[in-house]
Amino acid sequence: MKILVIGGTQFVGRHVTVQALARGHSVTHFNRGKTAPNAPPGVTHLQGDRKAELSVLASGEWDAVIDTCGYLPHDVARMADTLRGRVGRYVFVSSISVYRNFATPNPEGSAVGTIEDTGTDVVDGRTYGPLKALCESALRERFDAARTLIVRPGLIVGPHDPTQRFTYWPARIARAADGDAVLVPGAPGEGTQFIDARDLCSFIVGGIEAGLAGCFNVTSPAGQWTLGELFDTCAQVAGCRPRWVRADAAAAERLKLAPWSDLPVWVPAVGDEAAFAQTDVTAAVAAGLRTRPLDDTVADTLAWYRGLPPEAQAFTRAGLSPAREAAALAVLA
């Protein structure tokens, strides 16, 4: 099949390209050519900016398009209008952040979040989820249901992740010697959910091949992994035995440690976030979603991180600096 990838050079786009090529499909990238000016071997590159000039897409035809970087509804609408009649299937990478809250587990039909300033171009913690929901609506208005596949991933993790959120844990724990104190959040039995980018992309490419349509939550099944398993697996992969010092929600607040950013992967399971790690993926599993063993994701992420140049190994987007962790440990340990 001929597959058009919007984006294609970072994280999800990179992995979906690898998956598609490995399965014998032809791949075209449409992007600005800034992240990686040269297309990977075997990939056709069409240069353009989805916010401006789309004319380079006006003469092509593809069996499917995978939109990996749609954040604003008017951008998705323009892309869908341009490709309508030129692609057989539109795959949109959305997010479970579309849901209004996580007080209870969310199947795909759960209520989504809304904002009053629907025309905003600001994508932040307040707007990200509602804007993704509006992107989905813009797509549905332009493509019939039988030719639309919307995937709502949870936290996407693995090699080449630019957010640093998951990568912080394998990297931080690997620095520990036996017996060293390592600050970790929550209780060991608390559930956690995320999806290896390679498993997400396998689901997407497999869905295109199978003619899959509809909307699917795509993350690990609820209850598959706990925080304790995650941290212990990081230690096993690194070959060390640290001493865990745990910060619960009260301690994190007292020490001004923010869940999700300072203490990545974790959100306290209270109030509107009580079921944050219990998103329902029954439909995706029935449609073919498979998740690889946790130690594979941890080991591959750590190997990729260790291969980065030293200046790229600093955690500037997520996690704690050694100084902030030491200050917290001085209180808790």
Protein backbone atom coordinates (compact mmCIF):
# COMPACT_ATOMS: atom_id res chain seq x y z
CA MET A 1 0.00 0.00 0.00
CA LYS A 2 0.94 3.64 -0.42
CA ILE A 3 1.00 5.43 2.94
CA LEU A 4 1.36 9.16 3.51
CA VAL A 5 2.74 10.19 6.92
CA ILE A 6 2.17 13.74 8.14
CA GLY A 7 5.33 14.39 10.11
CA GLY A 8 7.36 11.22 9.96
CA THR A 9 10.74 12.17 11.40
CA GLN A 10 10.09 12.30 15.15
CA PHE A 11 9.04 9.57 17.57
CA VAL A 12 5.64 8.20 16.42
CA GLY A 13 6.22 9.24 12.81
CA ARG A 14 9.66 7.66 12.87
CA HIS A 15 8.41 4.36 14.31
CA VAL A 16 5.36 4.14 12.04
CA THR A 17 7.64 4.68 9.03
CA VAL A 18 9.90 1.83 10.13
CA GLN A 19 6.87 -0.44 10.68
CA ALA A 20 5.31 0.39 7.33
CA LEU A 21 8.54 -0.13 5.37
CA ALA A 22 9.25 -3.40 7.17
CA ARG A 23 5.82 -4.66 6.12
CA GLY A 24 6.45 -3.84 2.48
CA HIS A 25 4.50 -0.61 2.11
CA SER A 26 5.62 2.50 0.26
CA VAL A 27 5.93 5.60 2.47
CA THR A 28 5.77 9.31 1.71
CA HIS A 29 6.55 11.97 4.33
CA PHE A 30 4.98 15.42 4.31
CA ASN A 31 6.77 17.83 6.64
CA ARG A 32 8.80 21.04 6.77
CA GLY A 33 12.13 19.25 6.42
CA LYS A 34 13.53 20.90 9.54
CA THR A 35 13.96 18.02 11.98
CA ALA A 36 15.59 15.70 9.43
CA PRO A 37 16.18 17.41 6.08
CA ASN A 38 16.93 14.12 4.30
CA ALA A 39 14.23 11.48 4.02
CA PRO A 40 15.14 8.00 5.32
CA PRO A 41 16.14 5.46 2.67
CA GLY A 42 13.11 4.24 0.76
CA VAL A 43 10.92 7.21 1.75
CA THR A 44 9.63 9.91 -0.58
CA HIS A 45 9.74 13.41 0.93
CA LEU A 46 7.23 16.14 0.12
CA GLN A 47 8.16 19.42 1.77
CA GLY A 48 5.50 21.77 3.05
CA ASP A 49 3.91 23.27 6.15
CA ARG A 50 0.47 22.06 7.20
CA LYS A 51 -0.25 25.53 8.55
CA ALA A 52 0.47 27.18 5.21
CA GLU A 53 1.06 25.54 1.85
CA LEU A 54 -0.52 22.15 1.05
CA SER A 55 -0.42 22.32 -2.73
CA VAL A 56 2.30 19.67 -2.95
CA LEU A 57 -0.33 17.15 -1.78
CA ALA A 58 -2.91 18.15 -4.36
CA SER A 59 -1.73 15.78 -7.08
CA GLY A 60 -0.92 12.62 -5.12
CA GLU A 61 -3.01 9.63 -4.13
CA TRP A 62 -2.46 7.26 -1.23
CA ASP A 63 -4.21 4.28 0.30
CA ALA A 64 -3.97 5.88 3.74
CA VAL A 65 -2.67 8.93 5.55
CA ILE A 66 -1.37 8.81 9.12
CA ASP A 67 -1.62 12.21 10.79
CA THR A 68 0.86 12.08 13.66
CA CYS A 69 0.99 15.80 14.47
CA GLY A 70 -2.48 17.32 14.38
CA TYR A 71 -3.09 19.53 17.41
CA LEU A 72 -5.37 22.31 16.14
CA PRO A 73 -8.79 21.60 14.61
CA HIS A 74 -8.41 24.11 11.77
CA ASP A 75 -5.12 22.47 10.77
CA VAL A 76 -6.73 19.03 10.71
CA ALA A 77 -9.71 20.40 8.80
CA ARG A 78 -7.44 21.90 6.11
CA MET A 79 -5.50 18.66 5.78
CA ALA A 80 -8.68 16.58 5.56
CA ASP A 81 -10.16 18.93 2.95
CA THR A 82 -6.98 18.70 0.88
CA LEU A 83 -6.78 14.90 1.05
CA ARG A 84 -10.46 14.11 0.70
CA GLY A 85 -10.76 12.03 -2.46
CA ARG A 86 -6.99 11.42 -2.50
CA VAL A 87 -6.63 8.95 0.40
CA GLY A 88 -8.56 5.82 1.13
CA ARG A 89 -8.29 6.03 4.91
CA TYR A 90 -7.47 8.83 7.33
CA VAL A 91 -5.70 7.74 10.53
CA PHE A 92 -5.56 10.41 13.21
CA VAL A 93 -3.32 10.07 16.27
CA SER A 94 -5.33 11.65 19.08
CA SER A 95 -4.92 11.07 22.84
CA ILE A 96 -6.75 9.71 25.88
CA SER A 97 -6.39 13.28 27.16
CA VAL A 98 -9.58 14.05 25.22
CA TYR A 99 -11.66 12.68 28.11
CA ARG A 100 -13.43 15.13 30.39
CA ASN A 101 -12.00 13.48 33.50
CA PHE A 102 -10.69 10.16 34.81
CA ALA A 103 -12.92 9.76 37.85
CA THR A 104 -14.03 6.41 36.40
CA PRO A 105 -12.47 4.22 33.68
CA ASN A 106 -13.04 5.65 30.20
CA PRO A 107 -14.23 3.55 27.27
CA GLU A 108 -14.25 5.25 23.88
CA GLY A 109 -17.79 6.61 24.31
CA SER A 110 -16.97 8.62 27.43
CA ALA A 111 -17.57 12.37 27.48
CA VAL A 112 -14.73 14.50 26.15
CA GLY A 113 -13.43 17.78 27.48
CA THR A 114 -14.47 21.16 26.15
CA ILE A 115 -13.11 24.71 26.14
CA GLU A 116 -14.84 28.00 25.37
CA ASP A 117 -12.03 29.46 23.25
CA THR A 118 -12.22 26.80 20.57
CA GLY A 119 -10.21 28.90 18.10
CA THR A 120 -7.14 29.16 20.31
CA ASP A 121 -3.74 28.31 18.88
CA VAL A 122 -2.25 27.78 22.35
CA VAL A 123 -1.64 24.11 23.11
CA ASP A 124 -1.01 23.61 26.82
CA GLY A 125 -2.24 21.53 29.75
CA ARG A 126 -5.66 23.19 29.70
CA THR A 127 -6.29 23.06 25.95
CA TYR A 128 -4.46 19.98 24.70
CA GLY A 129 -7.19 17.41 25.34
CA PRO A 130 -10.19 19.50 24.23
CA LEU A 131 -8.32 20.59 21.09
CA LYS A 132 -7.58 16.97 20.23
CA ALA A 133 -11.30 16.22 20.66
CA LEU A 134 -12.13 19.09 18.29
CA CYS A 135 -9.58 17.73 15.80
CA GLU A 136 -11.42 14.41 15.87
CA SER A 137 -14.71 16.19 15.21
CA ALA A 138 -13.23 18.15 12.32
CA LEU A 139 -12.05 14.92 10.75
CA ARG A 140 -15.38 13.14 11.22
CA GLU A 141 -17.16 16.02 9.51
CA ARG A 142 -15.02 15.50 6.39
CA PHE A 143 -14.40 11.75 6.19
CA ASP A 144 -17.08 9.09 6.46
CA ALA A 145 -16.86 6.70 9.38
CA ALA A 146 -15.86 3.70 7.27
CA ARG A 147 -12.68 5.48 6.17
CA THR A 148 -11.67 7.05 9.49
CA LEU A 149 -9.47 5.48 12.16
CA ILE A 150 -8.88 7.49 15.34
CA VAL A 151 -6.38 6.17 17.86
CA ARG A 152 -6.22 7.60 21.37
CA PRO A 153 -2.88 6.61 22.90
CA GLY A 154 -1.99 6.90 26.52
CA LEU A 155 1.53 7.98 27.44
CA ILE A 156 3.70 6.95 24.48
CA VAL A 157 7.12 5.63 25.52
CA GLY A 158 10.22 3.96 24.15
CA PRO A 159 13.32 4.82 22.12
CA HIS A 160 13.42 8.28 20.51
CA ASP A 161 10.86 9.75 22.94
CA PRO A 162 11.52 13.52 23.05
CA THR A 163 9.38 14.15 26.15
CA GLN A 164 11.83 12.42 28.57
CA ARG A 165 8.94 11.31 30.78
CA PHE A 166 9.35 7.54 30.71
CA THR A 167 13.07 7.66 29.86
CA TYR A 168 13.81 9.41 33.17
CA TRP A 169 13.19 6.22 35.15
CA PRO A 170 15.48 3.74 33.35
CA ALA A 171 18.18 6.43 33.15
CA ARG A 172 17.88 7.59 36.77
CA ILE A 173 17.72 4.11 38.24
CA ALA A 174 20.67 2.92 36.14
CA ARG A 175 22.84 5.55 37.89
CA ALA A 176 22.20 4.00 41.29
CA ALA A 177 24.61 1.71 43.06
CA ASP A 178 23.31 -1.10 45.26
CA GLY A 179 21.68 0.41 48.33
CA ASP A 180 21.50 3.95 46.97
CA ALA A 181 18.31 5.84 47.77
CA VAL A 182 16.14 6.61 44.74
CA LEU A 183 13.03 8.77 45.08
CA VAL A 184 9.98 7.16 43.44
CA PRO A 185 6.31 8.20 43.60
CA GLY A 186 3.20 6.44 44.79
CA ALA A 187 2.66 2.98 46.27
CA PRO A 188 4.19 -0.12 44.64
CA GLY A 189 0.76 -1.60 43.95
CA GLU A 190 -0.59 1.45 42.11
CA GLY A 191 -1.38 0.76 38.48
CA THR A 192 0.29 2.55 35.59
CA GLN A 193 -0.50 2.68 31.87
CA PHE A 194 1.59 3.56 28.83
CA ILE A 195 2.21 2.24 25.33
CA ASP A 196 5.49 1.49 23.60
CA ALA A 197 5.55 3.59 20.42
CA ARG A 198 6.39 0.48 18.42
CA ASP A 199 3.28 -1.31 19.67
CA LEU A 200 1.15 1.75 18.91
CA CYS A 201 2.55 1.91 15.38
CA SER A 202 2.08 -1.81 14.84
CA PHE A 203 -1.58 -1.36 15.75
CA ILE A 204 -1.88 1.57 13.33
CA VAL A 205 -0.23 -0.13 10.36
CA GLY A 206 -2.05 -3.38 11.07
CA GLY A 207 -5.29 -1.43 11.28
CA ILE A 208 -4.71 0.08 7.86
CA GLU A 209 -3.98 -3.35 6.42
CA ALA A 210 -7.17 -4.76 7.95
CA GLY A 211 -9.37 -1.82 6.91
CA LEU A 212 -10.00 -0.95 10.56
CA ALA A 213 -12.26 2.02 11.26
CA GLY A 214 -13.61 3.71 14.38
CA CYS A 215 -12.09 5.07 17.57
CA PHE A 216 -9.77 3.10 19.87
CA ASN A 217 -8.03 3.75 23.18
CA VAL A 218 -4.49 2.45 22.67
CA THR A 219 -2.45 1.94 25.82
CA SER A 220 -1.51 -0.99 28.02
CA PRO A 221 -4.44 -2.89 29.54
CA ALA A 222 -5.49 -1.65 32.96
CA GLY A 223 -3.82 -3.72 35.67
CA GLN A 224 -1.08 -5.07 33.41
CA TRP A 225 1.68 -3.17 35.22
CA THR A 226 2.15 -1.43 38.57
CA LEU A 227 4.53 1.34 39.57
CA GLY A 228 6.44 -1.18 41.66
CA GLU A 229 6.91 -3.43 38.63
CA LEU A 230 8.09 -0.51 36.55
CA PHE A 231 10.77 0.60 39.01
CA ASP A 232 11.86 -2.97 39.82
CA THR A 233 12.13 -3.75 36.11
CA CYS A 234 14.30 -0.68 35.58
CA ALA A 235 16.60 -1.91 38.36
CA GLN A 236 16.73 -5.47 36.99
CA VAL A 237 17.58 -4.25 33.49
CA ALA A 238 20.31 -1.95 34.85
CA GLY A 239 21.68 -4.66 37.14
CA CYS A 240 21.40 -2.67 40.36
CA ARG A 241 19.49 -2.90 43.63
CA PRO A 242 18.58 0.60 44.86
CA ARG A 243 16.65 1.46 47.97
CA TRP A 244 13.29 2.95 47.07
CA VAL A 245 12.19 6.04 48.98
CA ARG A 246 8.53 6.65 48.20
CA ALA A 247 6.70 9.94 48.01
CA ASP A 248 2.93 9.73 48.26
CA ALA A 249 0.60 12.50 47.10
CA ALA A 250 0.83 14.39 50.40
CA ALA A 251 4.63 14.23 50.47
CA ALA A 252 4.90 15.31 46.83
CA GLU A 253 2.68 18.31 47.50
CA ARG A 254 4.59 19.25 50.64
CA LEU A 255 7.89 19.09 48.77
CA LYS A 256 6.49 20.88 45.69
CA LEU A 257 7.16 17.90 43.43
CA ALA A 258 4.74 17.90 40.53
CA PRO A 259 3.20 14.59 39.43
CA TRP A 260 3.70 13.72 35.77
CA SER A 261 6.53 16.22 35.23
CA ASP A 262 8.86 16.13 38.26
CA LEU A 263 7.73 12.57 39.03
CA PRO A 264 6.92 11.23 35.56
CA VAL A 265 4.42 8.50 34.65
CA TRP A 266 2.56 9.01 37.94
CA VAL A 267 -0.69 10.81 38.69
CA PRO A 268 -2.18 10.39 42.21
CA ALA A 269 -5.30 8.24 41.97
CA VAL A 270 -7.71 10.67 43.65
CA GLY A 271 -10.77 12.70 42.64
CA ASP A 272 -11.10 13.32 38.91
CA GLU A 273 -7.88 11.34 38.36
CA ALA A 274 -8.91 8.28 40.40
CA ALA A 275 -9.05 6.03 37.32
CA PHE A 276 -6.27 7.69 35.32
CA ALA A 277 -4.46 4.35 35.03
CA GLN A 278 -7.61 2.35 34.27
CA THR A 279 -8.45 3.44 30.72
CA ASP A 280 -10.49 0.77 28.94
CA VAL A 281 -8.65 -0.79 25.96
CA THR A 282 -11.00 -3.74 25.42
CA ALA A 283 -11.86 -2.64 21.89
CA ALA A 284 -8.24 -2.19 20.82
CA VAL A 285 -7.20 -5.57 22.22
CA ALA A 286 -10.05 -7.21 20.33
CA ALA A 287 -8.86 -5.39 17.20
CA GLY A 288 -5.31 -6.69 17.52
CA LEU A 289 -3.44 -4.51 20.04
CA ARG A 290 -0.48 -6.33 21.57
CA THR A 291 1.96 -4.94 24.14
CA ARG A 292 5.54 -6.17 24.40
CA PRO A 293 7.13 -7.22 27.71
CA LEU A 294 7.99 -4.34 30.00
CA ASP A 295 11.66 -5.30 30.23
CA ASP A 296 11.97 -4.99 26.43
CA THR A 297 10.71 -1.42 26.52
CA VAL A 298 12.92 -0.52 29.48
CA ALA A 299 16.05 -2.12 28.01
CA ASP A 300 15.59 -0.59 24.56
CA THR A 301 14.86 2.84 26.02
CA LEU A 302 17.93 2.71 28.24
CA ALA A 303 20.16 1.55 25.36
CA TRP A 304 18.89 4.39 23.17
CA TYR A 305 19.41 6.94 25.96
CA ARG A 306 22.96 5.75 26.59
CA GLY A 307 23.70 6.21 22.90
CA LEU A 308 22.75 9.89 22.96
CA PRO A 309 25.49 12.52 23.02
CA PRO A 310 26.21 13.73 26.58
CA GLU A 311 24.54 17.10 26.02
CA ALA A 312 21.29 15.34 25.05
CA GLN A 313 21.24 13.18 28.18
CA ALA A 314 20.35 16.01 30.57
CA PHE A 315 16.75 15.84 31.80
CA THR A 316 15.40 19.31 31.09
CA ARG A 317 11.79 18.41 30.26
CA ALA A 318 10.88 15.84 32.89
CA GLY A 319 12.20 14.33 36.08
CA LEU A 320 14.25 15.72 38.94
CA SER A 321 17.71 17.20 38.86
CA PRO A 322 20.14 15.44 41.22
CA ALA A 323 20.04 18.48 43.50
CA ARG A 324 16.24 18.52 43.80
CA GLU A 325 16.10 14.78 44.37
CA ALA A 326 18.77 15.02 47.05
CA ALA A 327 16.83 17.77 48.82
CA ALA A 328 13.67 15.65 48.81
CA LEU A 329 15.52 12.56 49.97
CA ALA A 330 17.00 14.53 52.87
CA VAL A 331 13.44 15.04 54.12
CA LEU A 332 11.99 11.61 53.31
CA ALA A 333 14.82 9.11 53.66
